[in-house]
PDB file of N, CA and C in Angstrom:
ATOM      1  N   MET A   1      41.169  15.605   8.198  1.00  0.00           N
ATOM      2  CA  MET A   1      40.104  14.235   8.619  1.00  0.00           C
ATOM      3  C   MET A   1      38.784  14.194   8.393  1.00  0.00           C
ATOM      4  N   GLU A   2      38.108  13.118   7.535  1.00  0.00           N
ATOM      5  CA  GLU A   2      36.518  13.222   7.123  1.00  0.00           C
ATOM      6  C   GLU A   2      36.078  12.859   8.258  1.00  0.00           C
ATOM      7  N   THR A   3      34.923  13.223   8.220  1.00  0.00           N
ATOM      8  CA  THR A   3      33.703  13.147   9.768  1.00  0.00           C
ATOM      9  C   THR A   3      33.332  11.814   9.082  1.00  0.00           C
ATOM     10  N   PRO A   4      33.273  10.692  10.059  1.00  0.00           N
ATOM     11  CA  PRO A   4      32.701   9.377   9.733  1.00  0.00           C
ATOM     12  C   PRO A   4      31.102   9.729   9.673  1.00  0.00           C
ATOM     13  N   THR A   5      30.735   8.641   8.818  1.00  0.00           N
ATOM     14  CA  THR A   5      29.308   8.671   8.596  1.00  0.00           C
ATOM     15  C   THR A   5      28.749   7.347   9.706  1.00  0.00           C
ATOM     16  N   LEU A   6      27.440   7.709   9.558  1.00  0.00           N
ATOM     17  CA  LEU A   6      26.810   6.670  10.750  1.00  0.00           C
ATOM     18  C   LEU A   6      26.636   5.316  10.236  1.00  0.00           C
ATOM     19  N   PHE A   7      26.955   5.076   8.552  1.00  0.00           N
ATOM     20  CA  PHE A   7      26.961   3.430   8.154  1.00  0.00           C
ATOM     21  C   PHE A   7      28.154   3.245   7.914  1.00  0.00           C
ATOM     22  N   GLU A   8      29.273   3.919   7.977  1.00  0.00           N
ATOM     23  CA  GLU A   8      30.587   3.652   7.634  1.00  0.00           C
ATOM     24  C   GLU A   8      31.148   2.217   7.574  1.00  0.00           C
ATOM     25  N   LEU A   9      31.628   1.376   6.519  1.00  0.00           N
ATOM     26  CA  LEU A   9      32.007   0.368   6.578  1.00  0.00           C
ATOM     27  C   LEU A   9      33.535  -0.149   7.509  1.00  0.00           C
ATOM     28  N   ASN A  10      34.231   0.882   7.450  1.00  0.00           N
ATOM     29  CA  ASN A  10      34.967   0.470   8.277  1.00  0.00           C
ATOM     30  C   ASN A  10      35.227   1.871   9.547  1.00  0.00           C
ATOM     31  N   PRO A  11      34.813   1.678  10.562  1.00  0.00           N
ATOM     32  CA  PRO A  11      34.693   2.702  11.362  1.00  0.00           C
ATOM     33  C   PRO A  11      36.091   3.370  11.870  1.00  0.00           C
ATOM     34  N   LEU A  12      36.379   4.167  12.418  1.00  0.00           N
ATOM     35  CA  LEU A  12      37.938   4.705  12.962  1.00  0.00           C
ATOM     36  C   LEU A  12      37.972   4.162  14.262  1.00  0.00           C
ATOM     37  N   PRO A  13      38.915   3.985  14.817  1.00  0.00           N
ATOM     38  CA  PRO A  13      39.113   3.092  15.925  1.00  0.00           C
ATOM     39  C   PRO A  13      39.049   4.195  17.275  1.00  0.00           C
ATOM     40  N   GLU A  14      37.848   3.974  18.358  1.00  0.00           N
ATOM     41  CA  GLU A  14      37.654   4.998  19.017  1.00  0.00           C
ATOM     42  C   GLU A  14      37.365   4.502  20.326  1.00  0.00           C
ATOM     43  N   ASN A  15      36.705   5.239  21.471  1.00  0.00           N
ATOM     44  CA  ASN A  15      36.539   4.268  22.617  1.00  0.00           C
ATOM     45  C   ASN A  15      35.562   3.925  22.285  1.00  0.00           C
ATOM     46  N   ASN A  16      34.788   2.909  23.263  1.00  0.00           N
ATOM     47  CA  ASN A  16      33.676   2.024  23.480  1.00  0.00           C
ATOM     48  C   ASN A  16      32.716   2.659  23.829  1.00  0.00           C
ATOM     49  N   ALA A  17      32.445   3.878  24.484  1.00  0.00           N
ATOM     50  CA  ALA A  17      31.318   4.385  24.703  1.00  0.00           C
ATOM     51  C   ALA A  17      31.024   5.470  23.529  1.00  0.00           C
ATOM     52  N   ASN A  18      31.430   5.664  22.825  1.00  0.00           N
ATOM     53  CA  ASN A  18      31.415   6.413  21.764  1.00  0.00           C
ATOM     54  C   ASN A  18      30.661   5.415  20.482  1.00  0.00           C
ATOM     55  N   ASN A  19      31.266   4.391  20.572  1.00  0.00           N
ATOM     56  CA  ASN A  19      30.953   3.339  19.596  1.00  0.00           C
ATOM     57  C   ASN A  19      29.328   2.937  19.962  1.00  0.00           C
ATOM     58  N   PHE A  20      29.051   2.761  21.196  1.00  0.00           N
ATOM     59  CA  PHE A  20      27.857   2.507  22.005  1.00  0.00           C
ATOM     60  C   PHE A  20      26.907   3.549  21.660  1.00  0.00           C
ATOM     61  N   GLY A  21      27.261   4.669  21.363  1.00  0.00           N
ATOM     62  CA  GLY A  21      26.215   5.774  21.344  1.00  0.00           C
ATOM     63  C   GLY A  21      25.705   5.782  19.718  1.00  0.00           C
ATOM     64  N   ARG A  22      27.003   5.297  18.851  1.00  0.00           N
ATOM     65  CA  ARG A  22      26.710   5.394  17.462  1.00  0.00           C
ATOM     66  C   ARG A  22      25.710   4.203  17.153  1.00  0.00           C
ATOM     67  N   LEU A  23      26.140   3.209  17.645  1.00  0.00           N
ATOM     68  CA  LEU A  23      25.171   1.903  17.477  1.00  0.00           C
ATOM     69  C   LEU A  23      23.577   2.089  18.144  1.00  0.00           C
ATOM     70  N   LYS A  24      23.345   2.780  19.014  1.00  0.00           N
ATOM     71  CA  LYS A  24      22.340   3.614  19.490  1.00  0.00           C
ATOM     72  C   LYS A  24      21.533   4.385  18.549  1.00  0.00           C
ATOM     73  N   ILE A  25      22.515   5.207  17.812  1.00  0.00           N
ATOM     74  CA  ILE A  25      21.864   6.184  17.213  1.00  0.00           C
ATOM     75  C   ILE A  25      21.491   5.319  15.462  1.00  0.00           C
ATOM     76  N   GLN A  26      22.158   4.390  15.255  1.00  0.00           N
ATOM     77  CA  GLN A  26      21.801   3.447  13.965  1.00  0.00           C
ATOM     78  C   GLN A  26      20.648   2.800  14.016  1.00  0.00           C
ATOM     79  N   THR A  27      20.505   1.941  15.561  1.00  0.00           N
ATOM     80  CA  THR A  27      19.351   1.679  15.808  1.00  0.00           C
ATOM     81  C   THR A  27      18.055   2.311  15.574  1.00  0.00           C
ATOM     82  N   CYS A  28      18.231   3.069  16.144  1.00  0.00           N
ATOM     83  CA  CYS A  28      17.243   4.168  16.083  1.00  0.00           C
ATOM     84  C   CYS A  28      16.559   4.701  14.666  1.00  0.00           C
ATOM     85  N   ILE A  29      17.655   4.976  13.819  1.00  0.00           N
ATOM     86  CA  ILE A  29      17.637   5.562  12.510  1.00  0.00           C
ATOM     87  C   ILE A  29      16.701   4.486  11.670  1.00  0.00           C
ATOM     88  N   ARG A  30      17.484   2.945  12.137  1.00  0.00           N
ATOM     89  CA  ARG A  30      17.074   1.828  11.179  1.00  0.00           C
ATOM     90  C   ARG A  30      15.505   1.652  11.337  1.00  0.00           C
ATOM     91  N   GLU A  31      15.093   1.874  13.224  1.00  0.00           N
ATOM     92  CA  GLU A  31      13.569   1.484  13.593  1.00  0.00           C
ATOM     93  C   GLU A  31      12.796   2.309  12.786  1.00  0.00           C
ATOM     94  N   MET A  32      13.438   3.815  12.603  1.00  0.00           N
ATOM     95  CA  MET A  32      12.406   5.006  12.413  1.00  0.00           C
ATOM     96  C   MET A  32      12.012   4.630  10.827  1.00  0.00           C
ATOM     97  N   ASN A  33      13.081   4.083  10.025  1.00  0.00           N
ATOM     98  CA  ASN A  33      13.009   3.886   8.896  1.00  0.00           C
ATOM     99  C   ASN A  33      11.979   2.723   8.384  1.00  0.00           C
ATOM    100  N   HIS A  34      12.166   1.581   9.207  1.00  0.00           N
ATOM    101  CA  HIS A  34      11.493   0.305   9.070  1.00  0.00           C
ATOM    102  C   HIS A  34      10.090   0.750   9.319  1.00  0.00           C
ATOM    103  N   GLU A  35       9.749   1.812  10.449  1.00  0.00           N
ATOM    104  CA  GLU A  35       8.455   2.303  10.971  1.00  0.00           C
ATOM    105  C   GLU A  35       7.571   2.925   9.739  1.00  0.00           C
ATOM    106  N   ARG A  36       8.540   4.017   8.839  1.00  0.00           N
ATOM    107  CA  ARG A  36       8.088   4.889   7.595  1.00  0.00           C
ATOM    108  C   ARG A  36       7.752   3.897   6.609  1.00  0.00           C
ATOM    109  N   MET A  37       8.615   2.874   6.369  1.00  0.00           N
ATOM    110  CA  MET A  37       8.192   1.851   5.276  1.00  0.00           C
ATOM    111  C   MET A  37       7.119   1.068   5.551  1.00  0.00           C
ATOM    112  N   SER A  38       7.312   0.465   6.753  1.00  0.00           N
ATOM    113  CA  SER A  38       5.808  -0.251   7.213  1.00  0.00           C
ATOM    114  C   SER A  38       4.551   0.826   6.930  1.00  0.00           C
ATOM    115  N   ARG A  39       4.566   1.518   7.458  1.00  0.00           N
ATOM    116  CA  ARG A  39       3.439   2.481   7.291  1.00  0.00           C
ATOM    117  C   ARG A  39       3.067   2.924   5.876  1.00  0.00           C
ATOM    118  N   GLN A  40       4.212   3.300   5.025  1.00  0.00           N
ATOM    119  CA  GLN A  40       3.851   3.449   3.484  1.00  0.00           C
ATOM    120  C   GLN A  40       3.372   2.125   3.061  1.00  0.00           C
ATOM    121  N   ASN A  41       3.582   0.737   3.242  1.00  0.00           N
ATOM    122  CA  ASN A  41       3.389  -0.489   2.702  1.00  0.00           C
ATOM    123  C   ASN A  41       1.745  -0.373   3.235  1.00  0.00           C
ATOM    124  N   GLN A  42       1.306  -0.020   4.282  1.00  0.00           N
ATOM    125  CA  GLN A  42       0.180  -0.361   4.849  1.00  0.00           C
ATOM    126  C   GLN A  42      -0.773   0.572   4.122  1.00  0.00           C
ATOM    127  N   ASN A  43      -0.420   1.953   4.068  1.00  0.00           N
ATOM    128  CA  ASN A  43      -1.176   2.869   3.020  1.00  0.00           C
ATOM    129  C   ASN A  43      -1.374   2.495   1.476  1.00  0.00           C
ATOM    130  N   GLN A  44      -0.157   1.919   0.819  1.00  0.00           N
ATOM    131  CA  GLN A  44      -0.247   1.439  -0.435  1.00  0.00           C
ATOM    132  C   GLN A  44      -1.611   0.183  -0.338  1.00  0.00           C
ATOM    133  N   THR A  45      -1.104  -0.507   0.653  1.00  0.00           N
ATOM    134  CA  THR A  45      -2.420  -1.809   0.386  1.00  0.00           C
ATOM    135  C   THR A  45      -3.465  -1.419   0.743  1.00  0.00           C
ATOM    136  N   GLN A  46      -3.549  -0.510   1.726  1.00  0.00           N
ATOM    137  CA  GLN A  46      -5.323  -0.062   1.948  1.00  0.00           C
ATOM    138  C   GLN A  46      -5.859   0.808   0.525  1.00  0.00           C
ATOM    139  N   ALA A  47      -4.798   1.384  -0.092  1.00  0.00           N
ATOM    140  CA  ALA A  47      -5.428   2.151  -1.497  1.00  0.00           C
ATOM    141  C   ALA A  47      -5.761   1.238  -2.402  1.00  0.00           C
ATOM    142  N   ARG A  48      -4.863   0.181  -2.569  1.00  0.00           N
ATOM    143  CA  ARG A  48      -5.285  -0.990  -3.432  1.00  0.00           C
ATOM    144  C   ARG A  48      -6.458  -1.564  -3.067  1.00  0.00           C
ATOM    145  N   ARG A  49      -6.546  -1.945  -1.746  1.00  0.00           N
ATOM    146  CA  ARG A  49      -7.991  -2.424  -1.324  1.00  0.00           C
ATOM    147  C   ARG A  49      -9.149  -1.838  -1.882  1.00  0.00           C
ATOM    148  N   TYR A  50      -9.299  -0.311  -1.277  1.00  0.00           N
ATOM    149  CA  TYR A  50     -10.255   0.494  -1.736  1.00  0.00           C
ATOM    150  C   TYR A  50     -10.510   0.605  -3.107  1.00  0.00           C
ATOM    151  N   ALA A  51      -9.266   0.505  -3.899  1.00  0.00           N
ATOM    152  CA  ALA A  51      -9.434   0.810  -5.481  1.00  0.00           C
ATOM    153  C   ALA A  51     -10.083  -0.627  -6.275  1.00  0.00           C
ATOM    154  N   ALA A  52      -9.779  -1.802  -5.396  1.00  0.00           N
ATOM    155  CA  ALA A  52     -10.388  -3.036  -5.638  1.00  0.00           C
ATOM    156  C   ALA A  52     -11.841  -3.217  -5.445  1.00  0.00           C
ATOM    157  N   ILE A  53     -12.251  -2.568  -4.272  1.00  0.00           N
ATOM    158  CA  ILE A  53     -13.437  -2.831  -4.039  1.00  0.00           C
ATOM    159  C   ILE A  53     -14.546  -1.770  -4.885  1.00  0.00           C
ATOM    160  N   ALA A  54     -13.511  -0.447  -5.166  1.00  0.00           N
ATOM    161  CA  ALA A  54     -14.628   0.514  -6.068  1.00  0.00           C
ATOM    162  C   ALA A  54     -15.114  -0.053  -7.650  1.00  0.00           C
ATOM    163  N   ARG A  55     -13.989  -0.977  -8.076  1.00  0.00           N
ATOM    164  CA  ARG A  55     -13.801  -1.520  -9.349  1.00  0.00           C
ATOM    165  C   ARG A  55     -14.873  -2.575  -9.081  1.00  0.00           C
ATOM    166  N   LEU A  56     -14.792  -3.362  -8.315  1.00  0.00           N
ATOM    167  CA  LEU A  56     -16.266  -4.792  -8.004  1.00  0.00           C
ATOM    168  C   LEU A  56     -17.375  -3.865  -7.684  1.00  0.00           C
ATOM    169  N   ARG A  57     -17.741  -2.731  -7.126  1.00  0.00           N
ATOM    170  CA  ARG A  57     -18.911  -2.120  -7.082  1.00  0.00           C
ATOM    171  C   ARG A  57     -19.495  -1.822  -8.607  1.00  0.00           C
ATOM    172  N   ARG A  58     -18.312  -1.176  -9.282  1.00  0.00           N
ATOM    173  CA  ARG A  58     -19.043  -0.567 -10.598  1.00  0.00           C
ATOM    174  C   ARG A  58     -19.445  -1.754 -11.495  1.00  0.00           C
ATOM    175  N   ARG A  59     -18.446  -2.991 -11.086  1.00  0.00           N
ATOM    176  CA  ARG A  59     -18.894  -3.855 -12.240  1.00  0.00           C
ATOM    177  C   ARG A  59     -20.324  -4.790 -11.906  1.00  0.00           C
ATOM    178  N   ARG A  60     -20.244  -4.657 -10.789  1.00  0.00           N
ATOM    179  CA  ARG A  60     -21.684  -5.435 -10.113  1.00  0.00           C
ATOM    180  C   ARG A  60     -22.670  -4.238 -10.788  1.00  0.00           C
ATOM    181  N   HIS A  61     -22.639  -2.916 -10.814  1.00  0.00           N
ATOM    182  CA  HIS A  61     -23.513  -2.142 -10.794  1.00  0.00           C
ATOM    183  C   HIS A  61     -23.957  -2.323 -12.573  1.00  0.00           C
ATOM    184  N   GLU A  62     -23.032  -2.099 -13.242  1.00  0.00           N
ATOM    185  CA  GLU A  62     -22.868  -2.428 -14.682  1.00  0.00           C
ATOM    186  C   GLU A  62     -23.547  -3.668 -15.212  1.00  0.00           C
ATOM    187  N   ALA A  63     -23.314  -4.459 -14.413  1.00  0.00           N
ATOM    188  CA  ALA A  63     -24.052  -5.999 -14.737  1.00  0.00           C
ATOM    189  C   ALA A  63     -25.454  -5.885 -14.291  1.00  0.00           C
ATOM    190  N   ASP A  64     -25.832  -5.453 -13.003  1.00  0.00           N
ATOM    191  CA  ASP A  64     -27.056  -5.069 -12.917  1.00  0.00           C
ATOM    192  C   ASP A  64     -28.104  -4.532 -13.754  1.00  0.00           C
ATOM    193  N   GLU A  65     -27.231  -3.415 -14.492  1.00  0.00           N
ATOM    194  CA  GLU A  65     -27.875  -2.423 -15.464  1.00  0.00           C
ATOM    195  C   GLU A  65     -28.335  -3.190 -16.873  1.00  0.00           C
ATOM    196  N   VAL A  66     -27.196  -4.382 -17.084  1.00  0.00           N
ATOM    197  CA  VAL A  66     -27.373  -4.762 -18.502  1.00  0.00           C
ATOM    198  C   VAL A  66     -28.404  -6.354 -17.944  1.00  0.00           C
ATOM    199  N   ASP A  67     -28.243  -6.474 -16.880  1.00  0.00           N
ATOM    200  CA  ASP A  67     -29.395  -7.715 -16.334  1.00  0.00           C
ATOM    201  C   ASP A  67     -30.797  -6.960 -16.813  1.00  0.00           C
ATOM    202  N   HIS A  68     -30.701  -5.702 -16.303  1.00  0.00           N
ATOM    203  CA  HIS A  68     -32.213  -4.856 -16.177  1.00  0.00           C
ATOM    204  C   HIS A  68     -32.543  -5.028 -17.847  1.00  0.00           C
ATOM    205  N   GLU A  69     -31.803  -4.553 -18.124  1.00  0.00           N
ATOM    206  CA  GLU A  69     -32.196  -4.255 -19.747  1.00  0.00           C
ATOM    207  C   GLU A  69     -32.410  -5.253 -20.193  1.00  0.00           C
ATOM    208  N   TYR A  70     -31.787  -6.443 -20.155  1.00  0.00           N
ATOM    209  CA  TYR A  70     -32.374  -7.763 -20.819  1.00  0.00           C
ATOM    210  C   TYR A  70     -33.784  -8.092 -20.657  1.00  0.00           C
ATOM    211  N   TRP A  71     -33.842  -8.037 -19.153  1.00  0.00           N
ATOM    212  CA  TRP A  71     -35.482  -8.689 -18.714  1.00  0.00           C
ATOM    213  C   TRP A  71     -36.566  -7.694 -19.212  1.00  0.00           C
ATOM    214  N   VAL A  72     -36.143  -6.029 -19.396  1.00  0.00           N
ATOM    215  CA  VAL A  72     -37.012  -5.354 -20.098  1.00  0.00           C
ATOM    216  C   VAL A  72     -37.064  -5.689 -21.283  1.00  0.00           C
ATOM    217  N   ARG A  73     -36.190  -5.877 -22.173  1.00  0.00           N
ATOM    218  CA  ARG A  73     -36.469  -6.099 -23.565  1.00  0.00           C
ATOM    219  C   ARG A  73     -37.032  -7.651 -23.547  1.00  0.00           C
ATOM    220  N   ARG A  74     -36.867  -8.604 -22.916  1.00  0.00           N
ATOM    221  CA  ARG A  74     -37.450  -9.762 -23.044  1.00  0.00           C
ATOM    222  C   ARG A  74     -39.225  -9.503 -22.577  1.00  0.00           C
ATOM    223  N   ARG A  75     -39.430  -9.113 -21.583  1.00  0.00           N
ATOM    224  CA  ARG A  75     -40.683  -8.679 -21.491  1.00  0.00           C
ATOM    225  C   ARG A  75     -41.455  -7.937 -22.357  1.00  0.00           C
ATOM    226  N   ASN A  76     -40.834  -6.985 -23.174  1.00  0.00           N
ATOM    227  CA  ASN A  76     -41.332  -6.199 -24.020  1.00  0.00           C
ATOM    228  C   ASN A  76     -41.853  -7.112 -25.366  1.00  0.00           C
ATOM    229  N   ASN A  77     -40.688  -8.051 -25.680  1.00  0.00           N
ATOM    230  CA  ASN A  77     -40.996  -9.222 -26.676  1.00  0.00           C
ATOM    231  C   ASN A  77     -42.139 -10.123 -26.512  1.00  0.00           C
ATOM    232  N   LEU A  78     -42.222 -10.233 -25.308  1.00  0.00           N
ATOM    233  CA  LEU A  78     -43.398 -11.327 -24.894  1.00  0.00           C
ATOM    234  C   LEU A  78     -44.707 -10.599 -24.893  1.00  0.00           C
ATOM    235  N   ARG A  79     -44.758  -9.243 -24.541  1.00  0.00           N
ATOM    236  CA  ARG A  79     -45.718  -8.905 -25.123  1.00  0.00           C
ATOM    237  C   ARG A  79     -46.383  -8.742 -26.574  1.00  0.00           C
ATOM    238  N   LEU A  80     -45.108  -8.331 -27.444  1.00  0.00           N
ATOM    239  CA  LEU A  80     -45.447  -8.370 -28.872  1.00  0.00           C
ATOM    240  C   LEU A  80     -46.139  -9.488 -29.388  1.00  0.00           C
ATOM    241  N   VAL A  81     -45.698 -10.894 -28.789  1.00  0.00           N
ATOM    242  CA  VAL A  81     -45.605 -12.289 -28.988  1.00  0.00           C
ATOM    243  C   VAL A  81     -47.422 -12.319 -28.414  1.00  0.00           C
ATOM    244  N   ASP A  82     -47.702 -12.067 -27.674  1.00  0.00           N
ATOM    245  CA  ASP A  82     -48.988 -12.312 -27.207  1.00  0.00           C
ATOM    246  C   ASP A  82     -49.907 -11.258 -27.918  1.00  0.00           C
TER     247      ASP A  82
END
């Protein structure tokens, strides 16, 4: 006789106390899985958020450098004209 699994579709006829114990175990396993997936989703969301913030800071820094270079060239050109 095969040992039934926790998530068997057609459970064997047994007494109600054992079914209740199995239901409690299934519920506990599902709650642990849900908590693990939720924590994993939160970690992934946080990692994506940090990556997006780093990209924005890098772009702003690059834009500041370009802007600075523009004004330096402009100032030098104005000095040449004077």
